[in-house]
Amino acid sequence: MVRSTRRFTDEQLIDLYDQGLVDRVIGEKLGSSTSIVWESRVRLGLKANGIPRIFSDQQLIDLHIQGLTDIEISKKLGSSSGSVWKHRNRLGLKINHARDLDNKNL
């Protein structure tokens, strides 16, 4: 069996990895196979990048501070409420419960 050789440097891989690209896309950009990129990434101790988020931690924090619920935040950010929930929990932010929009209890 002939093994494919690596055609890129660690620095090239790390640069693309830091941009949030997944192994398949990194391989396409570097002219290499996904498996070679995977092996190199693992050797460097880098975790796999997932699907890139369309919002930053700071955007989520700012909307959370305003008291918005996960659903309200997801609508403002154009994301799923599940993604907002996951990242809110990762940041250690407590859930904002549904607000009384009619101000009945004020």
Protein backbone atom coordinates (compact mmCIF):
# COMPACT_ATOMS: atom_id res chain seq x y z
CA MET A 1 0.00 0.00 0.00
CA VAL A 2 1.37 3.42 -0.97
CA ARG A 3 0.88 6.04 1.68
CA SER A 4 0.08 9.59 0.63
CA THR A 5 2.68 12.11 1.72
CA ARG A 6 1.91 15.33 3.48
CA ARG A 7 2.17 18.42 1.26
CA PHE A 8 1.85 21.12 3.89
CA THR A 9 3.52 22.46 7.01
CA ASP A 10 2.13 22.37 10.54
CA GLU A 11 1.90 26.16 10.39
CA GLN A 12 -0.29 26.02 7.26
CA LEU A 13 -2.60 23.50 8.91
CA ILE A 14 -2.78 25.51 12.15
CA ASP A 15 -3.56 28.73 10.24
CA LEU A 16 -6.54 27.13 8.50
CA TYR A 17 -7.58 25.32 11.69
CA ASP A 18 -7.59 28.65 13.58
CA GLN A 19 -9.98 29.99 10.94
CA GLY A 20 -12.47 27.36 12.13
CA LEU A 21 -12.27 25.17 9.03
CA VAL A 22 -13.07 21.45 9.21
CA ASP A 23 -10.59 18.75 8.10
CA ARG A 24 -12.26 18.23 4.71
CA VAL A 25 -12.03 21.93 3.79
CA ILE A 26 -8.47 22.19 5.12
CA GLY A 27 -7.54 19.20 2.95
CA GLU A 28 -9.11 20.83 -0.12
CA LYS A 29 -7.22 24.08 0.48
CA LEU A 30 -3.91 22.29 1.06
CA GLY A 31 -4.32 19.76 -1.76
CA SER A 32 -4.26 16.84 0.64
CA SER A 33 -6.61 14.11 1.79
CA THR A 34 -8.91 14.50 4.77
CA SER A 35 -7.22 11.55 6.47
CA ILE A 36 -3.75 13.15 6.22
CA VAL A 37 -5.15 16.39 7.66
CA TRP A 38 -6.85 14.39 10.44
CA GLU A 39 -3.64 12.55 11.31
CA SER A 40 -1.65 15.79 11.39
CA ARG A 41 -4.29 17.61 13.48
CA VAL A 42 -4.42 14.77 16.01
CA ARG A 43 -0.60 14.66 16.18
CA LEU A 44 -0.65 18.40 16.98
CA GLY A 45 -3.24 17.82 19.74
CA LEU A 46 -5.94 19.88 18.04
CA LYS A 47 -9.59 18.97 18.56
CA ALA A 48 -11.83 18.75 15.51
CA ASN A 49 -13.55 21.96 14.48
CA GLY A 50 -17.29 21.59 14.24
CA ILE A 51 -19.71 23.52 12.12
CA PRO A 52 -18.78 27.18 12.41
CA ARG A 53 -21.07 29.33 14.52
CA ILE A 54 -22.69 32.38 13.04
CA PHE A 55 -22.42 34.40 16.26
CA SER A 56 -19.73 35.26 18.77
CA ASP A 57 -19.69 34.58 22.49
CA GLN A 58 -19.90 38.32 23.10
CA GLN A 59 -23.05 38.67 20.97
CA LEU A 60 -24.68 35.89 23.00
CA ILE A 61 -23.57 37.42 26.30
CA ASP A 62 -24.86 40.88 25.32
CA LEU A 63 -28.32 39.54 24.42
CA HIS A 64 -28.40 37.35 27.52
CA ILE A 65 -27.62 40.37 29.72
CA GLN A 66 -30.61 42.12 28.12
CA GLY A 67 -32.76 39.32 29.58
CA LEU A 68 -33.66 37.61 26.32
CA THR A 69 -34.61 33.93 26.32
CA ASP A 70 -32.77 31.36 24.19
CA ILE A 71 -35.56 31.49 21.60
CA GLU A 72 -35.46 35.28 21.44
CA ILE A 73 -31.67 35.25 21.16
CA SER A 74 -31.77 32.62 18.41
CA LYS A 75 -34.19 34.74 16.37
CA LYS A 76 -31.97 37.82 16.70
CA LEU A 77 -28.83 35.86 15.76
CA GLY A 78 -30.39 33.74 13.00
CA SER A 79 -29.40 30.54 14.78
CA SER A 80 -31.17 27.60 16.35
CA SER A 81 -32.29 27.82 19.97
CA GLY A 82 -30.37 24.55 20.56
CA SER A 83 -27.13 26.18 19.46
CA VAL A 84 -27.81 29.17 21.72
CA TRP A 85 -28.59 26.79 24.63
CA LYS A 86 -25.37 24.82 24.07
CA HIS A 87 -23.14 27.90 23.96
CA ARG A 88 -24.96 29.64 26.83
CA ASN A 89 -24.34 26.59 29.01
CA ARG A 90 -20.69 26.42 27.91
CA LEU A 91 -20.32 30.04 29.03
CA GLY A 92 -21.95 29.27 32.39
CA LEU A 93 -24.90 31.61 31.81
CA LYS A 94 -28.15 30.78 33.60
CA ILE A 95 -31.35 30.46 31.60
CA ASN A 96 -33.47 33.58 31.22
CA HIS A 97 -37.04 32.44 31.72
CA ALA A 98 -39.83 33.68 29.50
CA ARG A 99 -40.69 37.23 30.34
CA ASP A 100 -44.23 38.46 30.91
CA LEU A 101 -44.58 40.32 27.63
CA ASP A 102 -47.95 41.80 28.58
CA ASN A 103 -46.52 43.23 31.83
CA LYS A 104 -49.47 41.66 33.71
CA ASN A 105 -47.42 41.16 36.87
CA LEU A 106 -45.94 44.69 37.05
